[in-house]
């Protein structure tokens, strides 16, 4: 969990365990149904 307040921002670093496709959505699932989603492609 990241302790960002309303209208706050920051950055994170990530490391993936293996090559592949990793989908993600925002915290608002209704937005994901409207197309606010993506996929990290790790090679």
PDB file of N, CA and C in Angstrom:
ATOM      1  N   UNK A   1       0.846  -1.182   0.000  1.00  0.00           N
ATOM      2  CA  UNK A   1       0.000   0.000   0.000  1.00  0.00           C
ATOM      3  C   UNK A   1       0.888   1.241   0.000  1.00  0.00           C
ATOM      4  N   UNK A   2       0.469   2.228  -0.774  1.00  0.00           N
ATOM      5  CA  UNK A   2       1.203   3.487  -0.850  1.00  0.00           C
ATOM      6  C   UNK A   2       0.374   4.575  -0.184  1.00  0.00           C
ATOM      7  N   UNK A   3       0.928   5.290   0.770  1.00  0.00           N
ATOM      8  CA  UNK A   3       0.161   6.277   1.533  1.00  0.00           C
ATOM      9  C   UNK A   3       0.034   7.642   0.840  1.00  0.00           C
ATOM     10  N   UNK A   4      -0.524   7.680  -0.357  1.00  0.00           N
ATOM     11  CA  UNK A   4      -0.733   8.948  -1.052  1.00  0.00           C
ATOM     12  C   UNK A   4      -2.096   9.502  -0.666  1.00  0.00           C
ATOM     13  N   UNK A   5      -2.146  10.781  -0.367  1.00  0.00           N
ATOM     14  CA  UNK A   5      -3.411  11.419  -0.046  1.00  0.00           C
ATOM     15  C   UNK A   5      -4.141  11.848  -1.308  1.00  0.00           C
ATOM     16  N   UNK A   6      -5.339  12.406  -1.166  1.00  0.00           N
ATOM     17  CA  UNK A   6      -6.066  12.907  -2.326  1.00  0.00           C
ATOM     18  C   UNK A   6      -5.233  13.933  -3.089  1.00  0.00           C
ATOM     19  N   UNK A   7      -5.209  13.793  -4.384  1.00  0.00           N
ATOM     20  CA  UNK A   7      -4.454  14.659  -5.287  1.00  0.00           C
ATOM     21  C   UNK A   7      -2.950  14.581  -5.057  1.00  0.00           C
ATOM     22  N   UNK A   8      -2.496  13.563  -4.325  1.00  0.00           N
ATOM     23  CA  UNK A   8      -1.070  13.363  -4.118  1.00  0.00           C
ATOM     24  C   UNK A   8      -0.485  12.558  -5.253  1.00  0.00           C
ATOM     25  N   UNK A   9       0.780  12.479  -5.286  1.00  0.00           N
ATOM     26  CA  UNK A   9       1.437  11.713  -6.336  1.00  0.00           C
ATOM     27  C   UNK A   9       2.774  11.206  -5.875  1.00  0.00           C
ATOM     28  N   UNK A  10       3.365  10.392  -6.686  1.00  0.00           N
ATOM     29  CA  UNK A  10       4.663   9.837  -6.363  1.00  0.00           C
ATOM     30  C   UNK A  10       5.061   8.852  -7.434  1.00  0.00           C
ATOM     31  N   UNK A  11       6.027   8.037  -7.127  1.00  0.00           N
ATOM     32  CA  UNK A  11       6.447   7.023  -8.091  1.00  0.00           C
ATOM     33  C   UNK A  11       6.852   5.768  -7.347  1.00  0.00           C
ATOM     34  N   UNK A  12       6.852   4.686  -8.046  1.00  0.00           N
ATOM     35  CA  UNK A  12       7.273   3.399  -7.491  1.00  0.00           C
ATOM     36  C   UNK A  12       8.195   2.726  -8.489  1.00  0.00           C
ATOM     37  N   UNK A  13       8.985   1.812  -8.002  1.00  0.00           N
ATOM     38  CA  UNK A  13       9.795   0.964  -8.868  1.00  0.00           C
ATOM     39  C   UNK A  13       9.259  -0.442  -8.746  1.00  0.00           C
ATOM     40  N   UNK A  14       9.221  -1.151  -9.863  1.00  0.00           N
ATOM     41  CA  UNK A  14       8.702  -2.512  -9.852  1.00  0.00           C
ATOM     42  C   UNK A  14       9.699  -3.435 -10.531  1.00  0.00           C
ATOM     43  N   UNK A  15       9.657  -4.678 -10.110  1.00  0.00           N
ATOM     44  CA  UNK A  15      10.437  -5.727 -10.760  1.00  0.00           C
ATOM     45  C   UNK A  15       9.502  -6.908 -10.966  1.00  0.00           C
ATOM     46  N   UNK A  16       9.468  -7.429 -12.159  1.00  0.00           N
ATOM     47  CA  UNK A  16       8.594  -8.551 -12.468  1.00  0.00           C
ATOM     48  C   UNK A  16       9.384  -9.854 -12.359  1.00  0.00           C
ATOM     49  N   UNK A  17       8.734 -10.910 -11.900  1.00  0.00           N
ATOM     50  CA  UNK A  17       9.454 -12.162 -11.653  1.00  0.00           C
ATOM     51  C   UNK A  17       9.878 -12.913 -12.908  1.00  0.00           C
ATOM     52  N   UNK A  18       9.202 -12.665 -14.024  1.00  0.00           N
ATOM     53  CA  UNK A  18       9.499 -13.410 -15.247  1.00  0.00           C
ATOM     54  C   UNK A  18       8.915 -12.654 -16.434  1.00  0.00           C
ATOM     55  N   UNK A  19       9.394 -12.940 -17.643  1.00  0.00           N
ATOM     56  CA  UNK A  19       8.776 -12.343 -18.824  1.00  0.00           C
ATOM     57  C   UNK A  19       7.307 -12.747 -18.915  1.00  0.00           C
ATOM     58  N   UNK A  20       6.517 -11.869 -19.485  1.00  0.00           N
ATOM     59  CA  UNK A  20       5.103 -12.172 -19.653  1.00  0.00           C
ATOM     60  C   UNK A  20       4.277 -10.908 -19.767  1.00  0.00           C
ATOM     61  N   UNK A  21       2.970 -11.072 -19.697  1.00  0.00           N
ATOM     62  CA  UNK A  21       2.029  -9.959 -19.764  1.00  0.00           C
ATOM     63  C   UNK A  21       1.351  -9.825 -18.406  1.00  0.00           C
ATOM     64  N   UNK A  22       1.399  -8.623 -17.846  1.00  0.00           N
ATOM     65  CA  UNK A  22       0.857  -8.358 -16.519  1.00  0.00           C
ATOM     66  C   UNK A  22      -0.204  -7.263 -16.614  1.00  0.00           C
ATOM     67  N   UNK A  23      -1.481  -7.624 -16.520  1.00  0.00           N
ATOM     68  CA  UNK A  23      -2.531  -6.622 -16.626  1.00  0.00           C
ATOM     69  C   UNK A  23      -2.640  -5.775 -15.361  1.00  0.00           C
ATOM     70  N   UNK A  24      -3.141  -4.558 -15.519  1.00  0.00           N
ATOM     71  CA  UNK A  24      -3.365  -3.686 -14.368  1.00  0.00           C
ATOM     72  C   UNK A  24      -4.603  -2.836 -14.600  1.00  0.00           C
ATOM     73  N   UNK A  25      -5.207  -2.394 -13.510  1.00  0.00           N
ATOM     74  CA  UNK A  25      -6.354  -1.483 -13.539  1.00  0.00           C
ATOM     75  C   UNK A  25      -6.153  -0.441 -12.445  1.00  0.00           C
ATOM     76  N   UNK A  26      -6.907   0.629 -12.520  1.00  0.00           N
ATOM     77  CA  UNK A  26      -6.864   1.611 -11.446  1.00  0.00           C
ATOM     78  C   UNK A  26      -7.668   1.097 -10.265  1.00  0.00           C
ATOM     79  N   UNK A  27      -7.727   1.859  -9.216  1.00  0.00           N
ATOM     80  CA  UNK A  27      -8.477   1.447  -8.040  1.00  0.00           C
ATOM     81  C   UNK A  27      -9.989   1.479  -8.278  1.00  0.00           C
ATOM     82  N   UNK A  28     -10.428   2.148  -9.322  1.00  0.00           N
ATOM     83  CA  UNK A  28     -11.858   2.258  -9.613  1.00  0.00           C
ATOM     84  C   UNK A  28     -12.235   1.245 -10.695  1.00  0.00           C
ATOM     85  N   UNK A  29     -12.814   0.138 -10.290  1.00  0.00           N
ATOM     86  CA  UNK A  29     -13.138  -0.917 -11.243  1.00  0.00           C
ATOM     87  C   UNK A  29     -14.148  -0.466 -12.291  1.00  0.00           C
ATOM     88  N   UNK A  30     -15.010   0.475 -11.959  1.00  0.00           N
ATOM     89  CA  UNK A  30     -15.966   0.960 -12.956  1.00  0.00           C
ATOM     90  C   UNK A  30     -15.219   1.606 -14.121  1.00  0.00           C
ATOM     91  N   UNK A  31     -14.085   2.250 -13.843  1.00  0.00           N
ATOM     92  CA  UNK A  31     -13.283   2.835 -14.920  1.00  0.00           C
ATOM     93  C   UNK A  31     -12.668   1.750 -15.795  1.00  0.00           C
ATOM     94  N   UNK A  32     -12.294   0.626 -15.213  1.00  0.00           N
ATOM     95  CA  UNK A  32     -11.741  -0.479 -15.990  1.00  0.00           C
ATOM     96  C   UNK A  32     -12.774  -0.994 -16.982  1.00  0.00           C
ATOM     97  N   UNK A  33     -14.028  -1.024 -16.581  1.00  0.00           N
ATOM     98  CA  UNK A  33     -15.088  -1.452 -17.487  1.00  0.00           C
ATOM     99  C   UNK A  33     -15.254  -0.477 -18.641  1.00  0.00           C
ATOM    100  N   UNK A  34     -14.826   0.753 -18.441  1.00  0.00           N
ATOM    101  CA  UNK A  34     -14.915   1.785 -19.491  1.00  0.00           C
ATOM    102  C   UNK A  34     -13.638   1.860 -20.320  1.00  0.00           C
ATOM    103  N   UNK A  35     -12.674   1.003 -20.048  1.00  0.00           N
ATOM    104  CA  UNK A  35     -11.459   0.966 -20.848  1.00  0.00           C
ATOM    105  C   UNK A  35     -10.202   1.445 -20.156  1.00  0.00           C
ATOM    106  N   UNK A  36     -10.280   1.877 -18.890  1.00  0.00           N
ATOM    107  CA  UNK A  36      -9.103   2.366 -18.166  1.00  0.00           C
ATOM    108  C   UNK A  36      -8.324   1.184 -17.596  1.00  0.00           C
ATOM    109  N   UNK A  37      -7.617   0.501 -18.475  1.00  0.00           N
ATOM    110  CA  UNK A  37      -6.806  -0.644 -18.073  1.00  0.00           C
ATOM    111  C   UNK A  37      -5.632  -0.749 -19.035  1.00  0.00           C
ATOM    112  N   UNK A  38      -4.667  -1.548 -18.663  1.00  0.00           N
ATOM    113  CA  UNK A  38      -3.503  -1.713 -19.507  1.00  0.00           C
ATOM    114  C   UNK A  38      -2.782  -3.012 -19.205  1.00  0.00           C
ATOM    115  N   UNK A  39      -1.692  -3.238 -19.924  1.00  0.00           N
ATOM    116  CA  UNK A  39      -0.901  -4.447 -19.761  1.00  0.00           C
ATOM    117  C   UNK A  39       0.573  -4.074 -19.822  1.00  0.00           C
ATOM    118  N   UNK A  40       1.336  -4.489 -18.817  1.00  0.00           N
ATOM    119  CA  UNK A  40       2.788  -4.382 -18.882  1.00  0.00           C
ATOM    120  C   UNK A  40       3.295  -5.581 -19.656  1.00  0.00           C
ATOM    121  N   UNK A  41       4.104  -5.341 -20.677  1.00  0.00           N
ATOM    122  CA  UNK A  41       4.715  -6.433 -21.429  1.00  0.00           C
ATOM    123  C   UNK A  41       6.190  -6.514 -21.013  1.00  0.00           C
ATOM    124  N   UNK A  42       6.550  -7.604 -20.362  1.00  0.00           N
ATOM    125  CA  UNK A  42       7.914  -7.800 -19.885  1.00  0.00           C
ATOM    126  C   UNK A  42       8.592  -8.803 -20.799  1.00  0.00           C
ATOM    127  N   UNK A  43       9.738  -8.414 -21.361  1.00  0.00           N
ATOM    128  CA  UNK A  43      10.472  -9.304 -22.272  1.00  0.00           C
ATOM    129  C   UNK A  43      11.689  -9.875 -21.621  1.00  0.00           C
TER     130      UNK A  43
END
